[in-house]
Amino acid sequence: MKKHLAFGLVMFGMMSGSAFATADLGDAFSAAYPNSELSGCKICHEKKPKLNVYGIEFQNAAQDFKAIEALDSDGDGVSNLDEINNGTFPGDKNSV
């Protein structure tokens, strides 16, 4: 019974297209931007498990931070890289 439940949960997660943050992704962000003051779930999530626009673009870019640096994910007029370097959240238009 437990095997069926675990399999069902895995399949549901795959079919729903949802992605959950892991410590590995947090570590990867910190490695990509060692001088950034940003950390935590808010970088990619509005509320767990819902991704913000930056998280969606990160997911669509095969989890490649560099591929979305020049984008302005939240449409606030500041590139993702500039927001990361300034300590503001690239997925939150109210964080500039």
PDB file of N, CA and C in Angstrom:
ATOM      1  N   MET A   1       0.814  -1.186   0.000  1.00  0.00           N
ATOM      2  CA  MET A   1       0.000   0.000   0.000  1.00  0.00           C
ATOM      3  C   MET A   1       0.866   1.262   0.000  1.00  0.00           C
ATOM      4  N   LYS A   2       1.905   1.262   0.842  1.00  0.00           N
ATOM      5  CA  LYS A   2       2.774   2.431   0.931  1.00  0.00           C
ATOM      6  C   LYS A   2       3.488   2.695  -0.398  1.00  0.00           C
ATOM      7  N   LYS A   3       3.877   1.612  -1.091  1.00  0.00           N
ATOM      8  CA  LYS A   3       4.549   1.764  -2.378  1.00  0.00           C
ATOM      9  C   LYS A   3       3.624   2.426  -3.390  1.00  0.00           C
ATOM     10  N   HIS A   4       2.354   2.042  -3.374  1.00  0.00           N
ATOM     11  CA  HIS A   4       1.388   2.625  -4.307  1.00  0.00           C
ATOM     12  C   HIS A   4       1.160   4.102  -4.008  1.00  0.00           C
ATOM     13  N   LEU A   5       1.075   4.446  -2.742  1.00  0.00           N
ATOM     14  CA  LEU A   5       0.881   5.837  -2.355  1.00  0.00           C
ATOM     15  C   LEU A   5       2.083   6.674  -2.764  1.00  0.00           C
ATOM     16  N   ALA A   6       3.285   6.186  -2.504  1.00  0.00           N
ATOM     17  CA  ALA A   6       4.499   6.918  -2.882  1.00  0.00           C
ATOM     18  C   ALA A   6       4.567   7.090  -4.394  1.00  0.00           C
ATOM     19  N   PHE A   7       4.266   6.029  -5.125  1.00  0.00           N
ATOM     20  CA  PHE A   7       4.283   6.108  -6.582  1.00  0.00           C
ATOM     21  C   PHE A   7       3.263   7.131  -7.076  1.00  0.00           C
ATOM     22  N   GLY A   8       2.073   7.111  -6.478  1.00  0.00           N
ATOM     23  CA  GLY A   8       1.023   8.051  -6.863  1.00  0.00           C
ATOM     24  C   GLY A   8       1.428   9.485  -6.605  1.00  0.00           C
ATOM     25  N   LEU A   9       2.071   9.744  -5.487  1.00  0.00           N
ATOM     26  CA  LEU A   9       2.521  11.105  -5.176  1.00  0.00           C
ATOM     27  C   LEU A   9       3.598  11.568  -6.154  1.00  0.00           C
ATOM     28  N   VAL A  10       4.509  10.677  -6.495  1.00  0.00           N
ATOM     29  CA  VAL A  10       5.546  11.022  -7.467  1.00  0.00           C
ATOM     30  C   VAL A  10       4.915  11.323  -8.819  1.00  0.00           C
ATOM     31  N   MET A  11       3.996  10.495  -9.251  1.00  0.00           N
ATOM     32  CA  MET A  11       3.344  10.711 -10.545  1.00  0.00           C
ATOM     33  C   MET A  11       2.537  11.998 -10.546  1.00  0.00           C
ATOM     34  N   PHE A  12       1.838  12.297  -9.437  1.00  0.00           N
ATOM     35  CA  PHE A  12       1.073  13.537  -9.350  1.00  0.00           C
ATOM     36  C   PHE A  12       2.004  14.735  -9.482  1.00  0.00           C
ATOM     37  N   GLY A  13       3.122  14.696  -8.800  1.00  0.00           N
ATOM     38  CA  GLY A  13       4.090  15.791  -8.884  1.00  0.00           C
ATOM     39  C   GLY A  13       4.622  15.962 -10.290  1.00  0.00           C
ATOM     40  N   MET A  14       4.882  14.872 -10.977  1.00  0.00           N
ATOM     41  CA  MET A  14       5.395  14.954 -12.347  1.00  0.00           C
ATOM     42  C   MET A  14       4.334  15.485 -13.289  1.00  0.00           C
ATOM     43  N   MET A  15       3.100  15.048 -13.128  1.00  0.00           N
ATOM     44  CA  MET A  15       2.033  15.464 -14.036  1.00  0.00           C
ATOM     45  C   MET A  15       1.622  16.912 -13.789  1.00  0.00           C
ATOM     46  N   SER A  16       1.699  17.364 -12.558  1.00  0.00           N
ATOM     47  CA  SER A  16       1.268  18.721 -12.256  1.00  0.00           C
ATOM     48  C   SER A  16       2.297  19.748 -12.689  1.00  0.00           C
ATOM     49  N   GLY A  17       3.509  19.306 -12.983  1.00  0.00           N
ATOM     50  CA  GLY A  17       4.544  20.232 -13.422  1.00  0.00           C
ATOM     51  C   GLY A  17       5.084  21.090 -12.296  1.00  0.00           C
ATOM     52  N   SER A  18       4.741  20.763 -11.083  1.00  0.00           N
ATOM     53  CA  SER A  18       5.223  21.572  -9.974  1.00  0.00           C
ATOM     54  C   SER A  18       6.653  21.185  -9.636  1.00  0.00           C
ATOM     55  N   ALA A  19       7.368  22.180  -9.169  1.00  0.00           N
ATOM     56  CA  ALA A  19       8.746  21.947  -8.754  1.00  0.00           C
ATOM     57  C   ALA A  19       8.890  22.470  -7.337  1.00  0.00           C
ATOM     58  N   PHE A  20       9.536  21.706  -6.525  1.00  0.00           N
ATOM     59  CA  PHE A  20       9.722  22.122  -5.146  1.00  0.00           C
ATOM     60  C   PHE A  20      11.186  22.477  -4.931  1.00  0.00           C
ATOM     61  N   ALA A  21      11.405  23.546  -4.184  1.00  0.00           N
ATOM     62  CA  ALA A  21      12.757  23.993  -3.908  1.00  0.00           C
ATOM     63  C   ALA A  21      13.474  22.947  -3.079  1.00  0.00           C
ATOM     64  N   THR A  22      14.748  22.883  -3.287  1.00  0.00           N
ATOM     65  CA  THR A  22      15.569  21.986  -2.496  1.00  0.00           C
ATOM     66  C   THR A  22      16.760  22.767  -1.976  1.00  0.00           C
ATOM     67  N   ALA A  23      17.413  22.212  -0.983  1.00  0.00           N
ATOM     68  CA  ALA A  23      18.625  22.836  -0.467  1.00  0.00           C
ATOM     69  C   ALA A  23      19.661  22.931  -1.583  1.00  0.00           C
ATOM     70  N   ASP A  24      19.671  21.948  -2.485  1.00  0.00           N
ATOM     71  CA  ASP A  24      20.625  21.972  -3.596  1.00  0.00           C
ATOM     72  C   ASP A  24      20.450  23.215  -4.461  1.00  0.00           C
ATOM     73  N   LEU A  25      19.198  23.612  -4.735  1.00  0.00           N
ATOM     74  CA  LEU A  25      18.967  24.811  -5.546  1.00  0.00           C
ATOM     75  C   LEU A  25      19.366  26.067  -4.789  1.00  0.00           C
ATOM     76  N   GLY A  26      19.121  26.088  -3.489  1.00  0.00           N
ATOM     77  CA  GLY A  26      19.571  27.221  -2.672  1.00  0.00           C
ATOM     78  C   GLY A  26      21.089  27.316  -2.674  1.00  0.00           C
ATOM     79  N   ASP A  27      21.743  26.175  -2.558  1.00  0.00           N
ATOM     80  CA  ASP A  27      23.206  26.144  -2.607  1.00  0.00           C
ATOM     81  C   ASP A  27      23.712  26.563  -3.983  1.00  0.00           C
ATOM     82  N   ALA A  28      23.005  26.146  -5.035  1.00  0.00           N
ATOM     83  CA  ALA A  28      23.398  26.509  -6.403  1.00  0.00           C
ATOM     84  C   ALA A  28      23.259  28.017  -6.609  1.00  0.00           C
ATOM     85  N   PHE A  29      22.188  28.618  -6.064  1.00  0.00           N
ATOM     86  CA  PHE A  29      22.009  30.067  -6.164  1.00  0.00           C
ATOM     87  C   PHE A  29      23.154  30.775  -5.448  1.00  0.00           C
ATOM     88  N   SER A  30      23.466  30.331  -4.249  1.00  0.00           N
ATOM     89  CA  SER A  30      24.555  30.941  -3.482  1.00  0.00           C
ATOM     90  C   SER A  30      25.899  30.785  -4.185  1.00  0.00           C
ATOM     91  N   ALA A  31      26.111  29.664  -4.846  1.00  0.00           N
ATOM     92  CA  ALA A  31      27.360  29.449  -5.582  1.00  0.00           C
ATOM     93  C   ALA A  31      27.420  30.341  -6.821  1.00  0.00           C
ATOM     94  N   ALA A  32      26.273  30.517  -7.487  1.00  0.00           N
ATOM     95  CA  ALA A  32      26.239  31.356  -8.692  1.00  0.00           C
ATOM     96  C   ALA A  32      26.394  32.836  -8.345  1.00  0.00           C
ATOM     97  N   TYR A  33      25.890  33.229  -7.161  1.00  0.00           N
ATOM     98  CA  TYR A  33      25.914  34.639  -6.744  1.00  0.00           C
ATOM     99  C   TYR A  33      26.456  34.744  -5.320  1.00  0.00           C
ATOM    100  N   PRO A  34      27.751  34.482  -5.151  1.00  0.00           N
ATOM    101  CA  PRO A  34      28.319  34.443  -3.797  1.00  0.00           C
ATOM    102  C   PRO A  34      28.263  35.783  -3.061  1.00  0.00           C
ATOM    103  N   ASN A  35      28.141  36.882  -3.767  1.00  0.00           N
ATOM    104  CA  ASN A  35      28.099  38.193  -3.122  1.00  0.00           C
ATOM    105  C   ASN A  35      26.681  38.678  -2.851  1.00  0.00           C
ATOM    106  N   SER A  36      25.687  37.899  -3.241  1.00  0.00           N
ATOM    107  CA  SER A  36      24.295  38.293  -3.047  1.00  0.00           C
ATOM    108  C   SER A  36      23.881  38.088  -1.590  1.00  0.00           C
ATOM    109  N   GLU A  37      23.060  38.997  -1.108  1.00  0.00           N
ATOM    110  CA  GLU A  37      22.521  38.879   0.240  1.00  0.00           C
ATOM    111  C   GLU A  37      21.210  38.084   0.245  1.00  0.00           C
ATOM    112  N   LEU A  38      20.706  37.725  -0.932  1.00  0.00           N
ATOM    113  CA  LEU A  38      19.434  37.014  -1.029  1.00  0.00           C
ATOM    114  C   LEU A  38      19.576  35.557  -0.605  1.00  0.00           C
ATOM    115  N   SER A  39      18.558  35.066   0.042  1.00  0.00           N
ATOM    116  CA  SER A  39      18.474  33.646   0.374  1.00  0.00           C
ATOM    117  C   SER A  39      17.026  33.329   0.692  1.00  0.00           C
ATOM    118  N   GLY A  40      16.728  32.083   0.697  1.00  0.00           N
ATOM    119  CA  GLY A  40      15.396  31.641   1.083  1.00  0.00           C
ATOM    120  C   GLY A  40      14.465  31.393  -0.079  1.00  0.00           C
ATOM    121  N   CYS A  41      13.294  30.927   0.263  1.00  0.00           N
ATOM    122  CA  CYS A  41      12.299  30.503  -0.717  1.00  0.00           C
ATOM    123  C   CYS A  41      11.750  31.647  -1.551  1.00  0.00           C
ATOM    124  N   LYS A  42      11.746  32.863  -0.986  1.00  0.00           N
ATOM    125  CA  LYS A  42      11.137  34.001  -1.674  1.00  0.00           C
ATOM    126  C   LYS A  42      11.843  34.344  -2.995  1.00  0.00           C
ATOM    127  N   ILE A  43      13.043  33.866  -3.187  1.00  0.00           N
ATOM    128  CA  ILE A  43      13.737  34.125  -4.452  1.00  0.00           C
ATOM    129  C   ILE A  43      12.910  33.578  -5.610  1.00  0.00           C
ATOM    130  N   CYS A  44      12.383  32.376  -5.480  1.00  0.00           N
ATOM    131  CA  CYS A  44      11.667  31.715  -6.571  1.00  0.00           C
ATOM    132  C   CYS A  44      10.184  31.461  -6.307  1.00  0.00           C
ATOM    133  N   HIS A  45       9.736  31.661  -5.072  1.00  0.00           N
ATOM    134  CA  HIS A  45       8.359  31.320  -4.723  1.00  0.00           C
ATOM    135  C   HIS A  45       7.582  32.516  -4.189  1.00  0.00           C
ATOM    136  N   GLU A  46       6.280  32.576  -4.585  1.00  0.00           N
ATOM    137  CA  GLU A  46       5.368  33.518  -3.940  1.00  0.00           C
ATOM    138  C   GLU A  46       5.028  32.961  -2.566  1.00  0.00           C
ATOM    139  N   LYS A  47       4.468  31.794  -2.574  1.00  0.00           N
ATOM    140  CA  LYS A  47       4.206  30.976  -1.398  1.00  0.00           C
ATOM    141  C   LYS A  47       4.446  29.554  -1.838  1.00  0.00           C
ATOM    142  N   LYS A  48       5.131  28.774  -1.010  1.00  0.00           N
ATOM    143  CA  LYS A  48       5.408  27.402  -1.388  1.00  0.00           C
ATOM    144  C   LYS A  48       4.104  26.641  -1.562  1.00  0.00           C
ATOM    145  N   PRO A  49       3.936  25.878  -2.580  1.00  0.00           N
ATOM    146  CA  PRO A  49       4.882  25.562  -3.638  1.00  0.00           C
ATOM    147  C   PRO A  49       4.760  26.455  -4.873  1.00  0.00           C
ATOM    148  N   LYS A  50       3.923  27.512  -4.822  1.00  0.00           N
ATOM    149  CA  LYS A  50       3.686  28.335  -6.013  1.00  0.00           C
ATOM    150  C   LYS A  50       4.921  29.163  -6.370  1.00  0.00           C
ATOM    151  N   LEU A  51       5.387  28.965  -7.609  1.00  0.00           N
ATOM    152  CA  LEU A  51       6.540  29.715  -8.101  1.00  0.00           C
ATOM    153  C   LEU A  51       6.144  31.139  -8.473  1.00  0.00           C
ATOM    154  N   ASN A  52       7.061  32.095  -8.260  1.00  0.00           N
ATOM    155  CA  ASN A  52       6.856  33.442  -8.777  1.00  0.00           C
ATOM    156  C   ASN A  52       7.357  33.474 -10.226  1.00  0.00           C
ATOM    157  N   VAL A  53       7.301  34.623 -10.884  1.00  0.00           N
ATOM    158  CA  VAL A  53       7.684  34.691 -12.298  1.00  0.00           C
ATOM    159  C   VAL A  53       9.160  34.366 -12.510  1.00  0.00           C
ATOM    160  N   TYR A  54      10.015  34.759 -11.579  1.00  0.00           N
ATOM    161  CA  TYR A  54      11.437  34.411 -11.678  1.00  0.00           C
ATOM    162  C   TYR A  54      11.613  32.892 -11.570  1.00  0.00           C
ATOM    163  N   GLY A  55      10.919  32.274 -10.631  1.00  0.00           N
ATOM    164  CA  GLY A  55      10.995  30.825 -10.468  1.00  0.00           C
ATOM    165  C   GLY A  55      10.506  30.081 -11.691  1.00  0.00           C
ATOM    166  N   ILE A  56       9.443  30.596 -12.315  1.00  0.00           N
ATOM    167  CA  ILE A  56       8.917  29.976 -13.536  1.00  0.00           C
ATOM    168  C   ILE A  56       9.932  30.095 -14.667  1.00  0.00           C
ATOM    169  N   GLU A  57      10.529  31.268 -14.830  1.00  0.00           N
ATOM    170  CA  GLU A  57      11.529  31.435 -15.891  1.00  0.00           C
ATOM    171  C   GLU A  57      12.767  30.599 -15.615  1.00  0.00           C
ATOM    172  N   PHE A  58      13.156  30.477 -14.352  1.00  0.00           N
ATOM    173  CA  PHE A  58      14.282  29.620 -13.964  1.00  0.00           C
ATOM    174  C   PHE A  58      13.977  28.168 -14.330  1.00  0.00           C
ATOM    175  N   GLN A  59      12.777  27.721 -14.017  1.00  0.00           N
ATOM    176  CA  GLN A  59      12.365  26.353 -14.346  1.00  0.00           C
ATOM    177  C   GLN A  59      12.357  26.151 -15.865  1.00  0.00           C
ATOM    178  N   ASN A  60      11.825  27.112 -16.602  1.00  0.00           N
ATOM    179  CA  ASN A  60      11.753  27.003 -18.064  1.00  0.00           C
ATOM    180  C   ASN A  60      13.124  27.061 -18.727  1.00  0.00           C
ATOM    181  N   ALA A  61      14.114  27.637 -18.025  1.00  0.00           N
ATOM    182  CA  ALA A  61      15.476  27.725 -18.557  1.00  0.00           C
ATOM    183  C   ALA A  61      16.324  26.545 -18.087  1.00  0.00           C
ATOM    184  N   ALA A  62      15.675  25.439 -17.799  1.00  0.00           N
ATOM    185  CA  ALA A  62      16.355  24.220 -17.357  1.00  0.00           C
ATOM    186  C   ALA A  62      17.208  24.476 -16.118  1.00  0.00           C
ATOM    187  N   GLN A  63      16.695  25.309 -15.208  1.00  0.00           N
ATOM    188  CA  GLN A  63      17.348  25.652 -13.952  1.00  0.00           C
ATOM    189  C   GLN A  63      18.753  26.209 -14.170  1.00  0.00           C
ATOM    190  N   ASP A  64      18.841  27.128 -15.119  1.00  0.00           N
ATOM    191  CA  ASP A  64      20.107  27.791 -15.446  1.00  0.00           C
ATOM    192  C   ASP A  64      19.987  29.273 -15.074  1.00  0.00           C
ATOM    193  N   PHE A  65      20.560  29.640 -13.930  1.00  0.00           N
ATOM    194  CA  PHE A  65      20.466  31.024 -13.459  1.00  0.00           C
ATOM    195  C   PHE A  65      21.019  32.013 -14.481  1.00  0.00           C
ATOM    196  N   LYS A  66      22.142  31.672 -15.075  1.00  0.00           N
ATOM    197  CA  LYS A  66      22.810  32.584 -16.023  1.00  0.00           C
ATOM    198  C   LYS A  66      21.935  32.879 -17.237  1.00  0.00           C
ATOM    199  N   ALA A  67      21.121  31.920 -17.649  1.00  0.00           N
ATOM    200  CA  ALA A  67      20.284  32.085 -18.837  1.00  0.00           C
ATOM    201  C   ALA A  67      19.203  33.146 -18.656  1.00  0.00           C
ATOM    202  N   ILE A  68      18.865  33.477 -17.415  1.00  0.00           N
ATOM    203  CA  ILE A  68      17.789  34.450 -17.187  1.00  0.00           C
ATOM    204  C   ILE A  68      18.278  35.728 -16.514  1.00  0.00           C
ATOM    205  N   GLU A  69      19.569  35.925 -16.422  1.00  0.00           N
ATOM    206  CA  GLU A  69      20.121  37.123 -15.774  1.00  0.00           C
ATOM    207  C   GLU A  69      19.688  38.415 -16.453  1.00  0.00           C
ATOM    208  N   ALA A  70      19.675  38.439 -17.778  1.00  0.00           N
ATOM    209  CA  ALA A  70      19.364  39.673 -18.510  1.00  0.00           C
ATOM    210  C   ALA A  70      17.871  39.975 -18.548  1.00  0.00           C
ATOM    211  N   LEU A  71      17.044  39.002 -18.198  1.00  0.00           N
ATOM    212  CA  LEU A  71      15.600  39.208 -18.209  1.00  0.00           C
ATOM    213  C   LEU A  71      15.165  40.087 -17.040  1.00  0.00           C
ATOM    214  N   ASP A  72      13.998  40.678 -17.177  1.00  0.00           N
ATOM    215  CA  ASP A  72      13.351  41.415 -16.095  1.00  0.00           C
ATOM    216  C   ASP A  72      12.088  40.634 -15.755  1.00  0.00           C
ATOM    217  N   SER A  73      12.256  39.560 -15.000  1.00  0.00           N
ATOM    218  CA  SER A  73      11.169  38.616 -14.752  1.00  0.00           C
ATOM    219  C   SER A  73       9.926  39.273 -14.183  1.00  0.00           C
ATOM    220  N   ASP A  74      10.095  40.190 -13.247  1.00  0.00           N
ATOM    221  CA  ASP A  74       8.936  40.782 -12.588  1.00  0.00           C
ATOM    222  C   ASP A  74       8.450  42.076 -13.232  1.00  0.00           C
ATOM    223  N   GLY A  75       9.099  42.505 -14.316  1.00  0.00           N
ATOM    224  CA  GLY A  75       8.634  43.658 -15.074  1.00  0.00           C
ATOM    225  C   GLY A  75       8.741  44.992 -14.358  1.00  0.00           C
ATOM    226  N   ASP A  76       9.718  45.117 -13.454  1.00  0.00           N
ATOM    227  CA  ASP A  76       9.861  46.373 -12.711  1.00  0.00           C
ATOM    228  C   ASP A  76      10.923  47.308 -13.290  1.00  0.00           C
ATOM    229  N   GLY A  77      11.456  46.955 -14.473  1.00  0.00           N
ATOM    230  CA  GLY A  77      12.443  47.808 -15.127  1.00  0.00           C
ATOM    231  C   GLY A  77      13.883  47.544 -14.716  1.00  0.00           C
ATOM    232  N   VAL A  78      14.111  46.511 -13.911  1.00  0.00           N
ATOM    233  CA  VAL A  78      15.455  46.173 -13.442  1.00  0.00           C
ATOM    234  C   VAL A  78      15.728  44.714 -13.801  1.00  0.00           C
ATOM    235  N   SER A  79      16.887  44.447 -14.394  1.00  0.00           N
ATOM    236  CA  SER A  79      17.206  43.074 -14.797  1.00  0.00           C
ATOM    237  C   SER A  79      17.337  42.170 -13.570  1.00  0.00           C
ATOM    238  N   ASN A  80      17.144  40.889 -13.796  1.00  0.00           N
ATOM    239  CA  ASN A  80      17.281  39.917 -12.711  1.00  0.00           C
ATOM    240  C   ASN A  80      18.651  40.013 -12.063  1.00  0.00           C
ATOM    241  N   LEU A  81      19.703  40.114 -12.866  1.00  0.00           N
ATOM    242  CA  LEU A  81      21.054  40.178 -12.316  1.00  0.00           C
ATOM    243  C   LEU A  81      21.250  41.426 -11.462  1.00  0.00           C
ATOM    244  N   ASP A  82      20.758  42.565 -11.936  1.00  0.00           N
ATOM    245  CA  ASP A  82      20.890  43.786 -11.138  1.00  0.00           C
ATOM    246  C   ASP A  82      20.129  43.664  -9.818  1.00  0.00           C
ATOM    247  N   GLU A  83      18.950  43.058  -9.860  1.00  0.00           N
ATOM    248  CA  GLU A  83      18.196  42.869  -8.617  1.00  0.00           C
ATOM    249  C   GLU A  83      18.950  41.954  -7.651  1.00  0.00           C
ATOM    250  N   ILE A  84      19.488  40.872  -8.166  1.00  0.00           N
ATOM    251  CA  ILE A  84      20.247  39.944  -7.322  1.00  0.00           C
ATOM    252  C   ILE A  84      21.440  40.663  -6.706  1.00  0.00           C
ATOM    253  N   ASN A  85      22.164  41.434  -7.516  1.00  0.00           N
ATOM    254  CA  ASN A  85      23.331  42.163  -7.012  1.00  0.00           C
ATOM    255  C   ASN A  85      22.955  43.259  -6.027  1.00  0.00           C
ATOM    256  N   ASN A  86      21.752  43.819  -6.171  1.00  0.00           N
ATOM    257  CA  ASN A  86      21.294  44.883  -5.271  1.00  0.00           C
ATOM    258  C   ASN A  86      20.585  44.349  -4.025  1.00  0.00           C
ATOM    259  N   GLY A  87      20.397  43.038  -3.949  1.00  0.00           N
ATOM    260  CA  GLY A  87      19.721  42.462  -2.797  1.00  0.00           C
ATOM    261  C   GLY A  87      18.218  42.563  -2.841  1.00  0.00           C
ATOM    262  N   THR A  88      17.666  42.770  -4.035  1.00  0.00           N
ATOM    263  CA  THR A  88      16.220  42.796  -4.187  1.00  0.00           C
ATOM    264  C   THR A  88      15.782  41.542  -4.938  1.00  0.00           C
ATOM    265  N   PHE A  89      14.509  41.187  -4.811  1.00  0.00           N
ATOM    266  CA  PHE A  89      14.034  39.928  -5.349  1.00  0.00           C
ATOM    267  C   PHE A  89      13.586  40.068  -6.810  1.00  0.00           C
ATOM    268  N   PRO A  90      14.188  39.292  -7.712  1.00  0.00           N
ATOM    269  CA  PRO A  90      13.858  39.393  -9.141  1.00  0.00           C
ATOM    270  C   PRO A  90      12.479  38.880  -9.515  1.00  0.00           C
ATOM    271  N   GLY A  91      11.777  38.270  -8.605  1.00  0.00           N
ATOM    272  CA  GLY A  91      10.441  37.772  -8.878  1.00  0.00           C
ATOM    273  C   GLY A  91       9.346  38.554  -8.173  1.00  0.00           C
ATOM    274  N   ASP A  92       9.722  39.709  -7.592  1.00  0.00           N
ATOM    275  CA  ASP A  92       8.762  40.531  -6.831  1.00  0.00           C
ATOM    276  C   ASP A  92       8.842  41.957  -7.334  1.00  0.00           C
ATOM    277  N   LYS A  93       7.817  42.409  -8.068  1.00  0.00           N
ATOM    278  CA  LYS A  93       7.858  43.747  -8.666  1.00  0.00           C
ATOM    279  C   LYS A  93       7.854  44.857  -7.630  1.00  0.00           C
ATOM    280  N   ASN A  94       7.518  44.547  -6.394  1.00  0.00           N
ATOM    281  CA  ASN A  94       7.550  45.556  -5.335  1.00  0.00           C
ATOM    282  C   ASN A  94       8.895  45.628  -4.640  1.00  0.00           C
ATOM    283  N   SER A  95       9.826  44.769  -5.043  1.00  0.00           N
ATOM    284  CA  SER A  95      11.172  44.738  -4.479  1.00  0.00           C
ATOM    285  C   SER A  95      12.131  45.238  -5.549  1.00  0.00           C
ATOM    286  N   VAL A  96      12.447  46.545  -5.481  1.00  0.00           N
ATOM    287  CA  VAL A  96      13.306  47.154  -6.509  1.00  0.00           C
ATOM    288  C   VAL A  96      14.522  47.773  -5.852  1.00  0.00           C
TER     289      VAL A  96
END
